C-alpha atoms as a PDB file:
ATOM      1  CA  MET A   1     -42.561 -13.073 -20.430  1.00  0.00           C
ATOM      2  CA  THR A   2     -41.151 -13.335 -23.912  1.00  0.00           C
ATOM      3  CA  THR A   3     -42.648 -11.263 -26.697  1.00  0.00           C
ATOM      4  CA  THR A   4     -41.345 -11.034 -30.252  1.00  0.00           C
ATOM      5  CA  THR A   5     -42.568  -8.241 -32.521  1.00  0.00           C
ATOM      6  CA  HIS A   6     -42.080  -8.204 -36.284  1.00  0.00           C
ATOM      7  CA  SER A   7     -42.862  -5.075 -38.301  1.00  0.00           C
ATOM      8  CA  LEU A   8     -45.038  -5.921 -41.308  1.00  0.00           C
ATOM      9  CA  ALA A   9     -45.901  -2.491 -42.739  1.00  0.00           C
ATOM     10  CA  PHE A  10     -45.690   1.178 -41.821  1.00  0.00           C
ATOM     11  CA  GLY A  11     -46.466   4.656 -43.053  1.00  0.00           C
ATOM     12  CA  ALA A  12     -46.790   8.214 -41.789  1.00  0.00           C
ATOM     13  CA  GLY A  13     -48.555   7.857 -38.435  1.00  0.00           C
ATOM     14  CA  TRP A  14     -49.288   4.112 -38.522  1.00  0.00           C
ATOM     15  CA  HIS A  15     -47.636   0.693 -38.402  1.00  0.00           C
ATOM     16  CA  VAL A  16     -48.643  -2.971 -38.373  1.00  0.00           C
ATOM     17  CA  THR A  17     -46.877  -5.644 -36.338  1.00  0.00           C
ATOM     18  CA  ASP A  18     -47.064  -9.391 -35.828  1.00  0.00           C
ATOM     19  CA  VAL A  19     -46.772  -9.954 -32.061  1.00  0.00           C
ATOM     20  CA  ILE A  20     -45.937 -13.399 -30.678  1.00  0.00           C
ATOM     21  CA  CYS A  21     -45.997 -14.038 -26.923  1.00  0.00           C
ATOM     22  CA  THR A  22     -44.620 -17.280 -25.475  1.00  0.00           C
ATOM     23  CA  ALA A  23     -45.629 -16.722 -21.825  1.00  0.00           C
ATOM     24  CA  GLY A  24     -47.418 -19.590 -20.126  1.00  0.00           C
ATOM     25  CA  ALA A  25     -49.734 -20.371 -17.248  1.00  0.00           C
ATOM     26  CA  GLY A  26     -46.828 -20.503 -14.791  1.00  0.00           C
ATOM     27  CA  ASP A  27     -45.490 -17.073 -15.761  1.00  0.00           C
ATOM     28  CA  ARG A  28     -46.352 -13.936 -13.821  1.00  0.00           C
ATOM     29  CA  PRO A  29     -48.793 -11.562 -15.608  1.00  0.00           C
ATOM     30  CA  PHE A  30     -47.010  -8.526 -17.033  1.00  0.00           C
ATOM     31  CA  GLU A  31     -48.000  -4.876 -17.240  1.00  0.00           C
ATOM     32  CA  GLU A  32     -47.494  -2.577 -20.208  1.00  0.00           C
ATOM     33  CA  ALA A  33     -48.972   0.663 -21.568  1.00  0.00           C
ATOM     34  CA  HIS A  34     -50.310   1.437 -25.020  1.00  0.00           C
ATOM     35  CA  GLN A  35     -48.123   4.054 -26.711  1.00  0.00           C
ATOM     36  CA  ASP A  36     -50.711   4.890 -29.372  1.00  0.00           C
ATOM     37  CA  PHE A  37     -54.148   3.789 -30.567  1.00  0.00           C
ATOM     38  CA  CYS A  38     -54.169   0.044 -31.140  1.00  0.00           C
ATOM     39  CA  VAL A  39     -56.506  -2.410 -32.856  1.00  0.00           C
ATOM     40  CA  ALA A  40     -55.197  -5.952 -32.468  1.00  0.00           C
ATOM     41  CA  ALA A  41     -56.748  -9.122 -33.873  1.00  0.00           C
ATOM     42  CA  VAL A  42     -55.993 -12.269 -31.879  1.00  0.00           C
ATOM     43  CA  THR A  43     -54.978 -14.941 -34.401  1.00  0.00           C
ATOM     44  CA  SER A  44     -53.975 -17.798 -32.058  1.00  0.00           C
ATOM     45  CA  GLY A  45     -53.806 -18.681 -28.370  1.00  0.00           C
ATOM     46  CA  THR A  46     -55.756 -17.200 -25.482  1.00  0.00           C
ATOM     47  CA  PHE A  47     -54.851 -14.608 -22.868  1.00  0.00           C
ATOM     48  CA  ARG A  48     -56.396 -12.470 -20.159  1.00  0.00           C
ATOM     49  CA  TYR A  49     -56.327  -8.717 -20.783  1.00  0.00           C
ATOM     50  CA  ARG A  50     -57.020  -6.408 -17.834  1.00  0.00           C
ATOM     51  CA  ALA A  51     -57.267  -2.612 -17.966  1.00  0.00           C
ATOM     52  CA  GLN A  52     -59.068   0.089 -15.978  1.00  0.00           C
ATOM     53  CA  GLN A  53     -62.191  -0.510 -18.076  1.00  0.00           C
ATOM     54  CA  GLY A  54     -62.403  -4.199 -17.137  1.00  0.00           C
ATOM     55  CA  THR A  55     -61.071  -7.691 -17.778  1.00  0.00           C
ATOM     56  CA  ALA A  56     -61.597  -9.969 -20.774  1.00  0.00           C
ATOM     57  CA  MET A  57     -60.400 -13.365 -21.929  1.00  0.00           C
ATOM     58  CA  LEU A  58     -59.287 -12.981 -25.541  1.00  0.00           C
ATOM     59  CA  ALA A  59     -59.228 -15.870 -28.022  1.00  0.00           C
ATOM     60  CA  PRO A  60     -58.759 -16.184 -31.802  1.00  0.00           C
ATOM     61  CA  GLY A  61     -61.112 -13.821 -33.608  1.00  0.00           C
ATOM     62  CA  ALA A  62     -61.268 -11.304 -30.745  1.00  0.00           C
ATOM     63  CA  LEU A  63     -60.367  -7.647 -31.277  1.00  0.00           C
ATOM     64  CA  LEU A  64     -58.427  -5.711 -28.664  1.00  0.00           C
ATOM     65  CA  LEU A  65     -58.895  -1.921 -28.685  1.00  0.00           C
ATOM     66  CA  GLY A  66     -56.278   0.171 -26.874  1.00  0.00           C
ATOM     67  CA  ASN A  67     -56.010   3.901 -26.187  1.00  0.00           C
ATOM     68  CA  PRO A  68     -52.731   5.831 -25.830  1.00  0.00           C
ATOM     69  CA  GLY A  69     -51.415   5.855 -22.277  1.00  0.00           C
ATOM     70  CA  THR A  70     -53.735   3.088 -21.061  1.00  0.00           C
ATOM     71  CA  CYS A  71     -51.947   0.665 -18.745  1.00  0.00           C
ATOM     72  CA  TYR A  72     -52.902  -2.981 -19.094  1.00  0.00           C
ATOM     73  CA  GLU A  73     -51.907  -6.395 -17.807  1.00  0.00           C
ATOM     74  CA  CYS A  74     -51.763  -9.648 -19.770  1.00  0.00           C
ATOM     75  CA  GLY A  75     -51.630 -13.170 -18.405  1.00  0.00           C
ATOM     76  CA  HIS A  76     -51.918 -16.737 -19.660  1.00  0.00           C
ATOM     77  CA  GLU A  77     -53.985 -18.683 -17.146  1.00  0.00           C
ATOM     78  CA  HIS A  78     -55.213 -21.373 -19.544  1.00  0.00           C
ATOM     79  CA  GLY A  79     -52.258 -22.247 -21.735  1.00  0.00           C
ATOM     80  CA  SER A  80     -49.121 -20.953 -23.361  1.00  0.00           C
ATOM     81  CA  GLY A  81     -48.629 -18.178 -25.842  1.00  0.00           C
ATOM     82  CA  ASP A  82     -50.661 -16.161 -28.267  1.00  0.00           C
ATOM     83  CA  ARG A  83     -50.290 -14.280 -31.519  1.00  0.00           C
ATOM     84  CA  CYS A  84     -51.855 -10.971 -32.604  1.00  0.00           C
ATOM     85  CA  LEU A  85     -51.889  -8.870 -35.751  1.00  0.00           C
ATOM     86  CA  SER A  86     -51.607  -5.381 -34.288  1.00  0.00           C
ATOM     87  CA  PHE A  87     -52.463  -2.092 -36.035  1.00  0.00           C
ATOM     88  CA  HIS A  88     -51.099   1.079 -34.378  1.00  0.00           C
ATOM     89  CA  PHE A  89     -52.108   4.677 -35.097  1.00  0.00           C
ATOM     90  CA  ASP A  90     -50.648   7.944 -33.799  1.00  0.00           C
ATOM     91  CA  PRO A  91     -53.215  10.322 -32.225  1.00  0.00           C
ATOM     92  CA  ALA A  92     -52.726  12.857 -35.057  1.00  0.00           C
ATOM     93  CA  TYR A  93     -53.406  10.138 -37.633  1.00  0.00           C
ATOM     94  CA  MET A  94     -56.620   9.156 -35.842  1.00  0.00           C
ATOM     95  CA  GLU A  95     -57.758  12.795 -35.847  1.00  0.00           C
ATOM     96  CA  ARG A  96     -57.506  12.815 -39.641  1.00  0.00           C
ATOM     97  CA  ILE A  97     -59.673   9.733 -40.074  1.00  0.00           C
END
C-alpha cells in the first residue's frame, strides 16, 4: 500500500490534506485508525472501506465520516488507486462547533 499525503491548509485544531493512494486490486487490504474526526470527500477512484459500523464501496462524490480511535480497513477490489480531500478536526475543536 502506498499513500501520499499533502497538507493543504491547517489551523488551531484542524487540517486539510490531499490523500492519494496507489494500491491496486492485487494488494492486500490495509488497516488504519482515525486519529481525529475526519470528513473525507472521494475525488477519484473507488475503494472498499470497512469499519465496525459496516462496509461501503466509496466512489467519487462519496463522503467518508470517521471518528477518533475508529479502526478501519481499506481495499481496492475493482481497480487501482483513489484520491480524497480529507478534513480533520481535533475533538476539542468539534466541541466548539
